[in-house]
PDB file of all heavy atoms in Angstrom:
ATOM      1  N   ILE A   1     116.140  97.521  95.828  1.00  0.00           N
ATOM      2  CA  ILE A   1     116.557  98.737  95.141  1.00  0.00           C
ATOM      3  C   ILE A   1     116.894  99.797  96.180  1.00  0.00           C
ATOM      4  O   ILE A   1     116.319  99.830  97.269  1.00  0.00           O
ATOM      5  CB  ILE A   1     115.471  99.260  94.177  1.00  0.00           C
ATOM      6  CG1 ILE A   1     114.147  99.501  94.920  1.00  0.00           C
ATOM      7  CG2 ILE A   1     115.254  98.314  93.016  1.00  0.00           C
ATOM      8  CD1 ILE A   1     113.074 100.111  94.042  1.00  0.00           C
ATOM      9  N   VAL A   2     117.854 100.663  95.853  1.00  0.00           N
ATOM     10  CA  VAL A   2     118.265 101.741  96.745  1.00  0.00           C
ATOM     11  C   VAL A   2     117.478 102.995  96.375  1.00  0.00           C
ATOM     12  O   VAL A   2     117.578 103.483  95.243  1.00  0.00           O
ATOM     13  CB  VAL A   2     119.777 102.008  96.636  1.00  0.00           C
ATOM     14  CG1 VAL A   2     120.178 103.162  97.549  1.00  0.00           C
ATOM     15  CG2 VAL A   2     120.556 100.747  96.987  1.00  0.00           C
ATOM     16  N   ALA A   3     116.661 103.479  97.316  1.00  0.00           N
ATOM     17  CA  ALA A   3     115.836 104.651  97.053  1.00  0.00           C
ATOM     18  C   ALA A   3     116.669 105.922  97.113  1.00  0.00           C
ATOM     19  O   ALA A   3     117.608 106.038  97.911  1.00  0.00           O
ATOM     20  CB  ALA A   3     114.693 104.721  98.064  1.00  0.00           C
ATOM     21  N   GLU A   4     116.312 106.883  96.258  1.00  0.00           N
ATOM     22  CA  GLU A   4     116.980 108.185  96.279  1.00  0.00           C
ATOM     23  C   GLU A   4     116.577 108.982  97.515  1.00  0.00           C
ATOM     24  O   GLU A   4     117.388 109.680  98.122  1.00  0.00           O
ATOM     25  CB  GLU A   4     116.615 108.975  95.011  1.00  0.00           C
ATOM     26  CG  GLU A   4     117.046 108.328  93.712  1.00  0.00           C
ATOM     27  CD  GLU A   4     118.539 108.434  93.498  1.00  0.00           C
ATOM     28  OE1 GLU A   4     119.154 109.352  94.074  1.00  0.00           O
ATOM     29  OE2 GLU A   4     119.099 107.586  92.772  1.00  0.00           O
ATOM     30  N   GLU A   5     115.313 108.846  97.925  1.00  0.00           N
ATOM     31  CA  GLU A   5     114.816 109.635  99.062  1.00  0.00           C
ATOM     32  C   GLU A   5     113.581 108.947  99.632  1.00  0.00           C
ATOM     33  O   GLU A   5     112.729 108.451  98.881  1.00  0.00           O
ATOM     34  CB  GLU A   5     114.458 111.051  98.604  1.00  0.00           C
ATOM     35  CG  GLU A   5     113.973 111.957  99.732  1.00  0.00           C
ATOM     36  CD  GLU A   5     113.616 113.343  99.219  1.00  0.00           C
ATOM     37  OE1 GLU A   5     112.941 113.431  98.165  1.00  0.00           O
ATOM     38  OE2 GLU A   5     114.013 114.326  99.852  1.00  0.00           O
ATOM     39  N   VAL A   6     113.495 108.917 100.962  1.00  0.00           N
ATOM     40  CA  VAL A   6     112.332 108.332 101.639  1.00  0.00           C
ATOM     41  C   VAL A   6     111.866 109.318 102.710  1.00  0.00           C
ATOM     42  O   VAL A   6     112.668 109.775 103.526  1.00  0.00           O
ATOM     43  CB  VAL A   6     112.660 106.975 102.299  1.00  0.00           C
ATOM     44  CG1 VAL A   6     111.399 106.382 102.934  1.00  0.00           C
ATOM     45  CG2 VAL A   6     113.253 106.002 101.289  1.00  0.00           C
ATOM     46  N   THR A   7     110.582 109.643 102.701  1.00  0.00           N
ATOM     47  CA  THR A   7     109.993 110.545 103.692  1.00  0.00           C
ATOM     48  C   THR A   7     108.820 109.851 104.351  1.00  0.00           C
ATOM     49  O   THR A   7     108.034 109.167 103.675  1.00  0.00           O
ATOM     50  CB  THR A   7     109.513 111.851 103.024  1.00  0.00           C
ATOM     51  OG1 THR A   7     110.602 112.463 102.355  1.00  0.00           O
ATOM     52  CG2 THR A   7     108.959 112.813 104.062  1.00  0.00           C
ATOM     53  N   VAL A   8     108.682 110.020 105.658  1.00  0.00           N
ATOM     54  CA  VAL A   8     107.559 109.431 106.388  1.00  0.00           C
ATOM     55  C   VAL A   8     106.787 110.541 107.093  1.00  0.00           C
ATOM     56  O   VAL A   8     107.370 111.480 107.647  1.00  0.00           O
ATOM     57  CB  VAL A   8     108.040 108.368 107.403  1.00  0.00           C
ATOM     58  CG1 VAL A   8     108.988 108.961 108.428  1.00  0.00           C
ATOM     59  CG2 VAL A   8     106.843 107.705 108.095  1.00  0.00           C
ATOM     60  N   THR A   9     105.472 110.454 107.050  1.00  0.00           N
ATOM     61  CA  THR A   9     104.583 111.420 107.699  1.00  0.00           C
ATOM     62  C   THR A   9     103.613 110.662 108.582  1.00  0.00           C
ATOM     63  O   THR A   9     103.042 109.651 108.155  1.00  0.00           O
ATOM     64  CB  THR A   9     103.794 112.234 106.658  1.00  0.00           C
ATOM     65  OG1 THR A   9     104.710 112.915 105.802  1.00  0.00           O
ATOM     66  CG2 THR A   9     102.887 113.241 107.338  1.00  0.00           C
ATOM     67  N   ASN A  10     103.444 111.127 109.815  1.00  0.00           N
ATOM     68  CA  ASN A  10     102.448 110.513 110.687  1.00  0.00           C
ATOM     69  C   ASN A  10     101.419 111.559 111.111  1.00  0.00           C
ATOM     70  O   ASN A  10     101.755 112.696 111.430  1.00  0.00           O
ATOM     71  CB  ASN A  10     103.086 109.837 111.893  1.00  0.00           C
ATOM     72  CG  ASN A  10     103.786 110.801 112.819  1.00  0.00           C
ATOM     73  OD1 ASN A  10     104.643 111.560 112.380  1.00  0.00           O
ATOM     74  ND2 ASN A  10     103.438 110.777 114.097  1.00  0.00           N
ATOM     75  N   ARG A  11     100.142 111.126 111.098  1.00  0.00           N
ATOM     76  CA  ARG A  11      99.035 112.026 111.429  1.00  0.00           C
ATOM     77  C   ARG A  11      98.036 111.291 112.311  1.00  0.00           C
ATOM     78  O   ARG A  11      97.613 110.176 111.986  1.00  0.00           O
ATOM     79  CB  ARG A  11      98.336 112.505 110.146  1.00  0.00           C
ATOM     80  CG  ARG A  11      97.151 113.445 110.387  1.00  0.00           C
ATOM     81  CD  ARG A  11      96.556 113.900 109.062  1.00  0.00           C
ATOM     82  NE  ARG A  11      95.944 112.787 108.336  1.00  0.00           N
ATOM     83  CZ  ARG A  11      94.674 112.390 108.530  1.00  0.00           C
ATOM     84  NH1 ARG A  11      93.903 113.001 109.436  1.00  0.00           N
ATOM     85  NH2 ARG A  11      94.186 111.381 107.832  1.00  0.00           N
ATOM     86  N   LEU A  12      97.674 111.908 113.430  1.00  0.00           N
ATOM     87  CA  LEU A  12      96.692 111.334 114.336  1.00  0.00           C
ATOM     88  C   LEU A  12      95.304 111.538 113.733  1.00  0.00           C
ATOM     89  O   LEU A  12      94.842 112.671 113.567  1.00  0.00           O
ATOM     90  CB  LEU A  12      96.780 111.987 115.713  1.00  0.00           C
ATOM     91  CG  LEU A  12      95.816 111.472 116.787  1.00  0.00           C
ATOM     92  CD1 LEU A  12      96.054 109.989 117.063  1.00  0.00           C
ATOM     93  CD2 LEU A  12      95.960 112.289 118.066  1.00  0.00           C
ATOM     94  N   THR A  13      94.644 110.446 113.379  1.00  0.00           N
ATOM     95  CA  THR A  13      93.354 110.562 112.694  1.00  0.00           C
ATOM     96  C   THR A  13      92.209 110.878 113.639  1.00  0.00           C
ATOM     97  O   THR A  13      91.169 111.371 113.207  1.00  0.00           O
ATOM     98  CB  THR A  13      93.030 109.241 111.961  1.00  0.00           C
ATOM     99  OG1 THR A  13      92.938 108.172 112.919  1.00  0.00           O
ATOM    100  CG2 THR A  13      94.112 108.917 110.934  1.00  0.00           C
ATOM    101  N   ASP A  14      92.387 110.618 114.938  1.00  0.00           N
ATOM    102  CA  ASP A  14      91.294 110.815 115.884  1.00  0.00           C
ATOM    103  C   ASP A  14      91.096 112.281 116.250  1.00  0.00           C
ATOM    104  O   ASP A  14      90.051 112.648 116.794  1.00  0.00           O
ATOM    105  CB  ASP A  14      91.547 110.001 117.167  1.00  0.00           C
ATOM    106  CG  ASP A  14      91.725 108.527 116.873  1.00  0.00           C
ATOM    107  OD1 ASP A  14      91.178 108.071 115.849  1.00  0.00           O
ATOM    108  OD2 ASP A  14      92.414 107.842 117.643  1.00  0.00           O
ATOM    109  N   GLN A  15      92.088 113.134 116.029  1.00  0.00           N
ATOM    110  CA  GLN A  15      92.007 114.544 116.394  1.00  0.00           C
ATOM    111  C   GLN A  15      92.544 115.398 115.254  1.00  0.00           C
ATOM    112  O   GLN A  15      93.310 114.936 114.397  1.00  0.00           O
ATOM    113  CB  GLN A  15      92.790 114.824 117.682  1.00  0.00           C
ATOM    114  CG  GLN A  15      92.277 114.046 118.895  1.00  0.00           C
ATOM    115  CD  GLN A  15      92.949 114.495 120.173  1.00  0.00           C
ATOM    116  OE1 GLN A  15      93.335 115.653 120.296  1.00  0.00           O
ATOM    117  NE2 GLN A  15      93.073 113.586 121.126  1.00  0.00           N
ATOM    118  N   ASP A  16      92.147 116.647 115.267  1.00  0.00           N
ATOM    119  CA  ASP A  16      92.546 117.571 114.208  1.00  0.00           C
ATOM    120  C   ASP A  16      93.904 118.175 114.542  1.00  0.00           C
ATOM    121  O   ASP A  16      94.002 119.336 114.973  1.00  0.00           O
ATOM    122  CB  ASP A  16      91.485 118.663 114.038  1.00  0.00           C
ATOM    123  CG  ASP A  16      91.765 119.546 112.823  1.00  0.00           C
ATOM    124  OD1 ASP A  16      92.553 119.111 111.971  1.00  0.00           O
ATOM    125  OD2 ASP A  16      91.195 120.655 112.761  1.00  0.00           O
ATOM    126  N   LEU A  17      94.963 117.371 114.359  1.00  0.00           N
ATOM    127  CA  LEU A  17      96.316 117.852 114.606  1.00  0.00           C
ATOM    128  C   LEU A  17      97.085 117.860 113.294  1.00  0.00           C
ATOM    129  O   LEU A  17      96.803 117.087 112.377  1.00  0.00           O
ATOM    130  CB  LEU A  17      97.035 116.934 115.613  1.00  0.00           C
ATOM    131  CG  LEU A  17      96.439 116.862 117.033  1.00  0.00           C
ATOM    132  CD1 LEU A  17      97.244 115.892 117.878  1.00  0.00           C
ATOM    133  CD2 LEU A  17      96.408 118.237 117.688  1.00  0.00           C
ATOM    134  N   GLU A  18      98.064 118.748 113.207  1.00  0.00           N
ATOM    135  CA  GLU A  18      98.884 118.837 112.014  1.00  0.00           C
ATOM    136  C   GLU A  18      99.744 117.579 111.852  1.00  0.00           C
ATOM    137  O   GLU A  18     100.300 117.079 112.839  1.00  0.00           O
ATOM    138  CB  GLU A  18      99.786 120.067 112.079  1.00  0.00           C
ATOM    139  CG  GLU A  18      99.062 121.396 111.882  1.00  0.00           C
ATOM    140  CD  GLU A  18      98.473 121.510 110.486  1.00  0.00           C
ATOM    141  OE1 GLU A  18      99.149 121.129 109.522  1.00  0.00           O
ATOM    142  OE2 GLU A  18      97.309 121.960 110.378  1.00  0.00           O
ATOM    143  N   PRO A  19      99.864 117.068 110.631  1.00  0.00           N
ATOM    144  CA  PRO A  19     100.761 115.921 110.417  1.00  0.00           C
ATOM    145  C   PRO A  19     102.217 116.326 110.594  1.00  0.00           C
ATOM    146  O   PRO A  19     102.578 117.498 110.415  1.00  0.00           O
ATOM    147  CB  PRO A  19     100.469 115.518 108.974  1.00  0.00           C
ATOM    148  CG  PRO A  19      99.924 116.748 108.322  1.00  0.00           C
ATOM    149  CD  PRO A  19      99.169 117.485 109.393  1.00  0.00           C
ATOM    150  N   VAL A  20     103.041 115.363 110.973  1.00  0.00           N
ATOM    151  CA  VAL A  20     104.469 115.600 111.187  1.00  0.00           C
ATOM    152  C   VAL A  20     105.254 114.774 110.173  1.00  0.00           C
ATOM    153  O   VAL A  20     105.067 113.560 110.087  1.00  0.00           O
ATOM    154  CB  VAL A  20     104.894 115.222 112.625  1.00  0.00           C
ATOM    155  CG1 VAL A  20     106.392 115.447 112.802  1.00  0.00           C
ATOM    156  CG2 VAL A  20     104.108 116.030 113.643  1.00  0.00           C
ATOM    157  N   SER A  21     106.096 115.446 109.397  1.00  0.00           N
ATOM    158  CA  SER A  21     106.888 114.765 108.370  1.00  0.00           C
ATOM    159  C   SER A  21     108.358 114.806 108.723  1.00  0.00           C
ATOM    160  O   SER A  21     108.820 115.736 109.404  1.00  0.00           O
ATOM    161  CB  SER A  21     106.669 115.409 106.997  1.00  0.00           C
ATOM    162  OG  SER A  21     105.321 115.315 106.591  1.00  0.00           O
ATOM    163  N   GLY A  22     109.076 113.816 108.242  1.00  0.00           N
ATOM    164  CA  GLY A  22     110.513 113.780 108.452  1.00  0.00           C
ATOM    165  C   GLY A  22     111.178 112.848 107.471  1.00  0.00           C
ATOM    166  O   GLY A  22     110.544 111.906 106.984  1.00  0.00           O
ATOM    167  N   PRO A  23     112.440 113.103 107.148  1.00  0.00           N
ATOM    168  CA  PRO A  23     113.148 112.217 106.217  1.00  0.00           C
ATOM    169  C   PRO A  23     113.592 110.933 106.919  1.00  0.00           C
ATOM    170  O   PRO A  23     113.775 110.902 108.132  1.00  0.00           O
ATOM    171  CB  PRO A  23     114.356 113.048 105.796  1.00  0.00           C
ATOM    172  CG  PRO A  23     114.624 113.920 106.991  1.00  0.00           C
ATOM    173  CD  PRO A  23     113.283 114.225 107.588  1.00  0.00           C
ATOM    174  N   MET A  24     113.738 109.896 106.133  1.00  0.00           N
ATOM    175  CA  MET A  24     114.356 108.669 106.613  1.00  0.00           C
ATOM    176  C   MET A  24     115.742 108.569 105.991  1.00  0.00           C
ATOM    177  O   MET A  24     115.935 108.904 104.817  1.00  0.00           O
ATOM    178  CB  MET A  24     113.511 107.441 106.238  1.00  0.00           C
ATOM    179  CG  MET A  24     112.163 107.394 106.931  1.00  0.00           C
ATOM    180  SD  MET A  24     111.137 105.964 106.438  1.00  0.00           S
ATOM    181  CE  MET A  24     112.138 104.602 107.027  1.00  0.00           C
ATOM    182  N   LEU A  25     116.709 108.161 106.786  1.00  0.00           N
ATOM    183  CA  LEU A  25     118.098 108.130 106.341  1.00  0.00           C
ATOM    184  C   LEU A  25     118.388 106.843 105.578  1.00  0.00           C
ATOM    185  O   LEU A  25     118.355 105.753 106.153  1.00  0.00           O
ATOM    186  CB  LEU A  25     119.027 108.233 107.549  1.00  0.00           C
ATOM    187  CG  LEU A  25     120.530 108.187 107.252  1.00  0.00           C
ATOM    188  CD1 LEU A  25     120.959 109.393 106.442  1.00  0.00           C
ATOM    189  CD2 LEU A  25     121.315 108.107 108.548  1.00  0.00           C
ATOM    190  N   PRO A  26     118.659 106.928 104.258  1.00  0.00           N
ATOM    191  CA  PRO A  26     119.001 105.703 103.503  1.00  0.00           C
ATOM    192  C   PRO A  26     120.335 105.137 103.971  1.00  0.00           C
ATOM    193  O   PRO A  26     121.284 105.879 104.234  1.00  0.00           O
ATOM    194  CB  PRO A  26     119.086 106.199 102.052  1.00  0.00           C
ATOM    195  CG  PRO A  26     118.360 107.506 102.032  1.00  0.00           C
ATOM    196  CD  PRO A  26     118.579 108.109 103.393  1.00  0.00           C
ATOM    197  N   LEU A  27     120.398 103.837 104.097  1.00  0.00           N
ATOM    198  CA  LEU A  27     121.624 103.173 104.532  1.00  0.00           C
ATOM    199  C   LEU A  27     122.296 102.540 103.318  1.00  0.00           C
ATOM    200  O   LEU A  27     122.409 101.320 103.191  1.00  0.00           O
ATOM    201  CB  LEU A  27     121.313 102.118 105.601  1.00  0.00           C
ATOM    202  CG  LEU A  27     120.654 102.657 106.874  1.00  0.00           C
ATOM    203  CD1 LEU A  27     120.387 101.518 107.849  1.00  0.00           C
ATOM    204  CD2 LEU A  27     121.530 103.717 107.534  1.00  0.00           C
ATOM    205  N   ALA A  28     122.738 103.380 102.370  1.00  0.00           N
ATOM    206  CA  ALA A  28     123.400 102.893 101.153  1.00  0.00           C
ATOM    207  C   ALA A  28     124.685 102.159 101.532  1.00  0.00           C
ATOM    208  O   ALA A  28     125.323 102.504 102.529  1.00  0.00           O
ATOM    209  CB  ALA A  28     123.704 104.072 100.227  1.00  0.00           C
ATOM    210  N   PRO A  29     125.091 101.127 100.777  1.00  0.00           N
ATOM    211  CA  PRO A  29     124.510 100.708  99.493  1.00  0.00           C
ATOM    212  C   PRO A  29     123.354  99.721  99.626  1.00  0.00           C
ATOM    213  O   PRO A  29     122.996  99.069  98.654  1.00  0.00           O
ATOM    214  CB  PRO A  29     125.703 100.055  98.802  1.00  0.00           C
ATOM    215  CG  PRO A  29     126.459  99.422  99.935  1.00  0.00           C
ATOM    216  CD  PRO A  29     126.315 100.363 101.090  1.00  0.00           C
ATOM    217  N   ARG A  30     122.772  99.589 100.837  1.00  0.00           N
ATOM    218  CA  ARG A  30     121.686  98.632 101.015  1.00  0.00           C
ATOM    219  C   ARG A  30     120.367  99.286 100.632  1.00  0.00           C
ATOM    220  O   ARG A  30     120.283 100.458 100.318  1.00  0.00           O
ATOM    221  CB  ARG A  30     121.652  98.150 102.470  1.00  0.00           C
ATOM    222  CG  ARG A  30     122.969  97.513 102.923  1.00  0.00           C
ATOM    223  CD  ARG A  30     122.723  96.530 104.043  1.00  0.00           C
ATOM    224  NE  ARG A  30     121.814  97.041 105.054  1.00  0.00           N
ATOM    225  CZ  ARG A  30     122.221  97.561 106.214  1.00  0.00           C
ATOM    226  NH1 ARG A  30     123.504  97.681 106.482  1.00  0.00           N
ATOM    227  NH2 ARG A  30     121.342  97.982 107.093  1.00  0.00           N
ATOM    228  N   ASN A  31     119.303  98.481 100.686  1.00  0.00           N
ATOM    229  CA  ASN A  31     118.004  98.967 100.230  1.00  0.00           C
ATOM    230  C   ASN A  31     117.110  99.387 101.383  1.00  0.00           C
ATOM    231  O   ASN A  31     115.895  99.385 101.249  1.00  0.00           O
ATOM    232  CB  ASN A  31     117.290  97.869  99.431  1.00  0.00           C
ATOM    233  CG  ASN A  31     116.931  96.664 100.302  1.00  0.00           C
ATOM    234  OD1 ASN A  31     117.748  96.202 101.082  1.00  0.00           O
ATOM    235  ND2 ASN A  31     115.723  96.157 100.164  1.00  0.00           N
ATOM    236  N   ASP A  32     117.688  99.742 102.539  1.00  0.00           N
ATOM    237  CA  ASP A  32     116.861 100.112 103.677  1.00  0.00           C
ATOM    238  C   ASP A  32     117.137 101.533 104.124  1.00  0.00           C
ATOM    239  O   ASP A  32     118.117 102.160 103.728  1.00  0.00           O
ATOM    240  CB  ASP A  32     117.035  99.126 104.830  1.00  0.00           C
ATOM    241  CG  ASP A  32     118.473  99.012 105.298  1.00  0.00           C
ATOM    242  OD1 ASP A  32     119.376  99.276 104.491  1.00  0.00           O
ATOM    243  OD2 ASP A  32     118.689  98.644 106.461  1.00  0.00           O
ATOM    244  N   ALA A  33     116.230 102.044 104.946  1.00  0.00           N
ATOM    245  CA  ALA A  33     116.334 103.399 105.481  1.00  0.00           C
ATOM    246  C   ALA A  33     115.708 103.410 106.859  1.00  0.00           C
ATOM    247  O   ALA A  33     114.797 102.626 107.155  1.00  0.00           O
ATOM    248  CB  ALA A  33     115.637 104.399 104.561  1.00  0.00           C
ATOM    249  N   VAL A  34     116.190 104.307 107.737  1.00  0.00           N
ATOM    250  CA  VAL A  34     115.674 104.391 109.101  1.00  0.00           C
ATOM    251  C   VAL A  34     115.265 105.824 109.407  1.00  0.00           C
ATOM    252  O   VAL A  34     115.760 106.780 108.799  1.00  0.00           O
ATOM    253  CB  VAL A  34     116.716 103.909 110.142  1.00  0.00           C
ATOM    254  CG1 VAL A  34     117.023 102.451 109.975  1.00  0.00           C
ATOM    255  CG2 VAL A  34     117.982 104.752 110.061  1.00  0.00           C
ATOM    256  N   GLY A  35     114.347 105.944 110.349  1.00  0.00           N
ATOM    257  CA  GLY A  35     113.890 107.251 110.790  1.00  0.00           C
ATOM    258  C   GLY A  35     113.283 107.131 112.165  1.00  0.00           C
ATOM    259  O   GLY A  35     113.308 106.063 112.787  1.00  0.00           O
ATOM    260  N   SER A  36     112.741 108.214 112.678  1.00  0.00           N
ATOM    261  CA  SER A  36     112.113 108.195 113.997  1.00  0.00           C
ATOM    262  C   SER A  36     110.725 108.791 113.910  1.00  0.00           C
ATOM    263  O   SER A  36     110.436 109.637 113.049  1.00  0.00           O
ATOM    264  CB  SER A  36     112.962 108.972 115.012  1.00  0.00           C
ATOM    265  OG  SER A  36     113.025 110.339 114.656  1.00  0.00           O
ATOM    266  N   LEU A  37     109.850 108.327 114.782  1.00  0.00           N
ATOM    267  CA  LEU A  37     108.471 108.788 114.826  1.00  0.00           C
ATOM    268  C   LEU A  37     108.123 109.218 116.237  1.00  0.00           C
ATOM    269  O   LEU A  37     108.584 108.604 117.217  1.00  0.00           O
ATOM    270  CB  LEU A  37     107.516 107.679 114.383  1.00  0.00           C
ATOM    271  CG  LEU A  37     107.599 107.225 112.922  1.00  0.00           C
ATOM    272  CD1 LEU A  37     106.713 106.010 112.707  1.00  0.00           C
ATOM    273  CD2 LEU A  37     107.190 108.340 111.988  1.00  0.00           C
ATOM    274  N   THR A  38     107.293 110.243 116.348  1.00  0.00           N
ATOM    275  CA  THR A  38     106.813 110.715 117.643  1.00  0.00           C
ATOM    276  C   THR A  38     105.303 110.534 117.694  1.00  0.00           C
ATOM    277  O   THR A  38     104.582 110.968 116.784  1.00  0.00           O
ATOM    278  CB  THR A  38     107.148 112.199 117.860  1.00  0.00           C
ATOM    279  OG1 THR A  38     108.564 112.361 117.828  1.00  0.00           O
ATOM    280  CG2 THR A  38     106.611 112.687 119.204  1.00  0.00           C
ATOM    281  N   PHE A  39     104.836 109.865 118.757  1.00  0.00           N
ATOM    282  CA  PHE A  39     103.401 109.680 118.972  1.00  0.00           C
ATOM    283  C   PHE A  39     103.031 110.391 120.270  1.00  0.00           C
ATOM    284  O   PHE A  39     103.185 109.835 121.370  1.00  0.00           O
ATOM    285  CB  PHE A  39     103.060 108.185 119.063  1.00  0.00           C
ATOM    286  CG  PHE A  39     103.426 107.402 117.831  1.00  0.00           C
ATOM    287  CD1 PHE A  39     104.261 106.296 117.914  1.00  0.00           C
ATOM    288  CD2 PHE A  39     102.936 107.777 116.599  1.00  0.00           C
ATOM    289  CE1 PHE A  39     104.596 105.566 116.783  1.00  0.00           C
ATOM    290  CE2 PHE A  39     103.268 107.050 115.451  1.00  0.00           C
ATOM    291  CZ  PHE A  39     104.099 105.951 115.546  1.00  0.00           C
ATOM    292  N   PRO A  40     102.533 111.640 120.193  1.00  0.00           N
ATOM    293  CA  PRO A  40     102.255 112.410 121.415  1.00  0.00           C
ATOM    294  C   PRO A  40     101.032 111.940 122.178  1.00  0.00           C
ATOM    295  O   PRO A  40     100.953 112.113 123.393  1.00  0.00           O
ATOM    296  CB  PRO A  40     102.063 113.830 120.886  1.00  0.00           C
ATOM    297  CG  PRO A  40     101.621 113.658 119.474  1.00  0.00           C
ATOM    298  CD  PRO A  40     102.317 112.437 118.976  1.00  0.00           C
TER     299      PRO A  40
END
């Protein structure tokens, strides 16, 4: 299925840091999406 919107959030559980959210780009008409993540 082709999603209308996909968002990914990453949060470091070992320390009290703010989570970082970002959209993932849907690759229509396919059912996949891509994004990037930062691990500081």
